[in-house]
Amino acid sequence: MDTRTLEEALASWLAAYSRLVIAGVGNSLRSDDGLGVEVVARLAGKVPQNTLIVDCGTVPESYLGPIRRFRPSHILVIDAADIESDPGSARLVLPEQILGLTLSTHNLPMSVLSNYLVGQTKARIAFLVIQPKNTEFGEGLSPEVEDAVKGVSDLIEVILAKARKAD
C-alpha cells in the first residue's frame, strides 16, 4: 500500500473517533518485530489528550485493563505482520480482513485479540501492520522498516493534528 492510500484509509477510519488508543506491539529484541513499540515511543507526547499510547510489548492482552478504563471509541494496534509484501510496506487491516494474516512472534492471533478488544470495549479496531525484513534475535530495525516506522509515526501525528483542528 502506498503512503497516500494508507493516509486515506487511516484518515477515513479515524474520521469519527472521540477517544483513541494506539497500542504498539512487538519485541525489540527481535529486530523488526519491535516496530510497533518503536512507533508508539515516537508518538509519546505528540498526540492529543483524547489519545492513549500503550506499549504492549509482546503481550497486548495484558493491557486490557488500562485500555478498557480509557473507554476508547477506536483502538489502533501497530505491529509487524507478514503481508507478503516488500519490507517496510504498511497496510491498515480491519478485523474482517485478518484471516490468514501472520503476526511475527506473538502468541495471540490477531482475530482473537480483535474479538477480545471489541467484546471488552465495544471500540472500533484496526491493525496498522508493517512487513518486517528481519525478526531474528538482534536489536535495531532494518533500514526499510526504520523508514516505514518514521513515515507511519509522522502520518499518525499529522492525521491526529488535522482531526484536532477540525473539532
Protein backbone atom coordinates (compact mmCIF):
# COMPACT_ATOMS: atom_id res chain seq x y z
CA MET A 1 0.00 0.00 0.00
CA ASP A 2 1.48 3.33 -0.93
CA THR A 3 1.62 6.15 1.61
CA ARG A 4 -1.26 8.07 0.01
CA THR A 5 -3.58 5.08 0.18
CA LEU A 6 -2.55 4.37 3.77
CA GLU A 7 -3.16 8.01 4.65
CA GLU A 8 -6.63 7.93 3.11
CA ALA A 9 -7.53 4.64 4.80
CA LEU A 10 -6.28 5.76 8.22
CA ALA A 11 -7.88 9.22 7.99
CA SER A 12 -11.19 7.67 6.95
CA TRP A 13 -11.08 5.10 9.76
CA LEU A 14 -10.27 7.81 12.33
CA ALA A 15 -12.78 10.35 10.97
CA ALA A 16 -15.33 9.95 13.78
CA TYR A 17 -13.12 8.92 16.70
CA SER A 18 -13.66 10.50 20.10
CA ARG A 19 -11.12 8.56 22.19
CA LEU A 20 -8.26 6.66 20.58
CA VAL A 21 -5.90 4.01 21.91
CA ILE A 22 -2.72 3.42 19.91
CA ALA A 23 -1.24 0.10 21.03
CA GLY A 24 2.26 -0.78 19.88
CA VAL A 25 3.00 -4.49 19.88
CA GLY A 26 6.34 -6.20 19.39
CA ASN A 27 9.62 -7.48 20.72
CA SER A 28 12.51 -5.01 20.42
CA LEU A 29 14.99 -7.87 20.87
CA ARG A 30 13.83 -9.43 17.59
CA SER A 31 14.90 -6.68 15.17
CA ASP A 32 11.95 -5.53 13.03
CA ASP A 33 9.43 -7.25 15.30
CA GLY A 34 9.88 -4.24 17.63
CA LEU A 35 8.43 -1.80 15.11
CA GLY A 36 5.07 -1.34 16.88
CA VAL A 37 6.80 -0.48 20.14
CA GLU A 38 9.06 1.97 18.26
CA VAL A 39 6.09 3.73 16.62
CA VAL A 40 4.35 4.35 19.96
CA ALA A 41 7.62 5.52 21.52
CA ARG A 42 7.92 8.12 18.76
CA LEU A 43 4.31 9.24 19.27
CA ALA A 44 4.60 9.68 23.04
CA GLY A 45 3.88 13.29 23.97
CA LYS A 46 2.88 14.19 20.40
CA VAL A 47 -0.78 13.16 20.39
CA PRO A 48 -3.97 14.87 21.61
CA GLN A 49 -5.22 14.30 25.17
CA ASN A 50 -8.03 12.08 23.90
CA THR A 51 -5.39 9.57 22.76
CA LEU A 52 -3.78 6.91 24.94
CA ILE A 53 -0.42 5.48 23.86
CA VAL A 54 0.25 1.95 25.11
CA ASP A 55 3.50 -0.01 24.72
CA CYS A 56 2.14 -3.56 24.90
CA GLY A 57 5.40 -5.37 24.22
CA THR A 58 4.63 -8.95 23.26
CA VAL A 59 1.51 -9.34 25.42
CA PRO A 60 -1.20 -6.90 24.32
CA GLU A 61 -3.83 -8.90 26.21
CA SER A 62 -2.12 -7.86 29.47
CA TYR A 63 -3.01 -4.21 28.83
CA LEU A 64 -6.76 -4.67 28.56
CA GLY A 65 -7.42 -3.01 31.96
CA PRO A 66 -5.90 0.39 31.11
CA ILE A 67 -7.37 0.24 27.60
CA ARG A 68 -10.86 -0.56 28.90
CA ARG A 69 -10.68 2.16 31.58
CA PHE A 70 -9.80 4.74 28.92
CA ARG A 71 -13.16 3.96 27.20
CA PRO A 72 -11.88 4.28 23.61
CA SER A 73 -14.08 4.67 20.59
CA HIS A 74 -11.21 3.39 18.41
CA ILE A 75 -8.19 1.13 19.02
CA LEU A 76 -5.29 1.11 16.55
CA VAL A 77 -2.88 -1.79 17.03
CA ILE A 78 0.52 -1.35 15.36
CA ASP A 79 2.58 -4.46 14.73
CA ALA A 80 4.80 -6.37 12.36
CA ALA A 81 2.97 -8.87 10.16
CA ASP A 82 3.70 -10.94 7.12
CA ILE A 83 1.57 -9.24 4.48
CA GLU A 84 3.52 -10.88 1.65
CA SER A 85 4.94 -7.56 0.51
CA ASP A 86 8.24 -5.72 0.39
CA PRO A 87 9.89 -4.97 3.76
CA GLY A 88 8.57 -1.68 5.11
CA SER A 89 5.24 -1.93 3.30
CA ALA A 90 2.38 -0.79 5.52
CA ARG A 91 -1.31 -1.57 5.43
CA LEU A 92 -4.39 -0.79 7.50
CA VAL A 93 -6.22 -4.05 8.17
CA LEU A 94 -9.73 -4.23 9.61
CA PRO A 95 -10.82 -7.20 11.76
CA GLU A 96 -12.85 -8.78 8.97
CA GLN A 97 -9.71 -8.78 6.76
CA ILE A 98 -7.31 -10.53 9.14
CA LEU A 99 -7.91 -14.19 8.35
CA GLY A 100 -4.61 -15.73 7.40
CA LEU A 101 -2.51 -12.73 8.46
CA THR A 102 0.51 -13.87 10.44
CA LEU A 103 2.00 -11.87 13.26
CA SER A 104 5.68 -12.49 13.62
CA THR A 105 6.25 -13.62 17.21
CA HIS A 106 3.10 -13.23 19.30
CA ASN A 107 1.08 -15.96 20.91
CA LEU A 108 -2.35 -14.42 20.48
CA PRO A 109 -3.74 -14.42 16.91
CA MET A 110 -4.95 -11.05 15.61
CA SER A 111 -8.51 -12.34 15.24
CA VAL A 112 -8.63 -13.42 18.90
CA LEU A 113 -7.14 -10.11 20.06
CA SER A 114 -9.61 -8.16 17.92
CA ASN A 115 -12.64 -10.10 19.17
CA TYR A 116 -11.48 -9.76 22.77
CA LEU A 117 -10.91 -5.99 22.50
CA VAL A 118 -14.28 -5.44 20.81
CA GLY A 119 -16.02 -7.58 23.41
CA GLN A 120 -14.44 -5.68 26.29
CA THR A 121 -14.55 -2.13 24.92
CA LYS A 122 -17.10 -2.01 22.04
CA ALA A 123 -14.46 0.10 20.24
CA ARG A 124 -13.71 0.00 16.53
CA ILE A 125 -10.47 -1.92 15.96
CA ALA A 126 -7.91 -1.66 13.18
CA PHE A 127 -4.41 -3.03 12.75
CA LEU A 128 -1.69 -0.95 11.13
CA VAL A 129 0.77 -3.61 10.06
CA ILE A 130 4.21 -3.30 8.53
CA GLN A 131 6.07 -6.03 6.66
CA PRO A 132 9.26 -6.87 8.58
CA LYS A 133 12.52 -7.75 6.87
CA ASN A 134 14.19 -9.50 9.80
CA THR A 135 12.69 -10.90 13.00
CA GLU A 136 15.75 -12.82 14.16
CA PHE A 137 17.24 -12.01 17.56
CA GLY A 138 19.05 -8.70 17.45
CA GLU A 139 18.42 -5.06 18.21
CA GLY A 140 17.58 -2.28 15.80
CA LEU A 141 15.33 -2.03 12.79
CA SER A 142 16.30 -2.75 9.19
CA PRO A 143 16.64 0.42 7.06
CA GLU A 144 13.40 -0.32 5.17
CA VAL A 145 11.42 -0.80 8.36
CA GLU A 146 13.09 2.20 10.03
CA ASP A 147 11.85 4.35 7.12
CA ALA A 148 8.35 2.87 7.44
CA VAL A 149 8.27 3.48 11.21
CA LYS A 150 9.22 7.11 10.69
CA GLY A 151 6.65 7.51 7.92
CA VAL A 152 3.85 5.87 9.90
CA SER A 153 4.66 7.85 13.07
CA ASP A 154 4.66 11.12 11.13
CA LEU A 155 1.46 10.18 9.31
CA ILE A 156 -0.43 9.38 12.52
CA GLU A 157 0.77 12.62 14.11
CA VAL A 158 -0.42 14.66 11.09
CA ILE A 159 -3.82 12.93 10.87
CA LEU A 160 -4.47 13.42 14.60
CA ALA A 161 -3.41 17.08 14.40
CA LYS A 162 -5.83 17.64 11.48
CA ALA A 163 -8.63 15.91 13.41
CA ARG A 164 -7.95 18.10 16.45
CA LYS A 165 -8.17 21.28 14.31
CA ALA A 166 -11.44 20.08 12.80
CA ASP A 167 -13.07 19.87 16.26
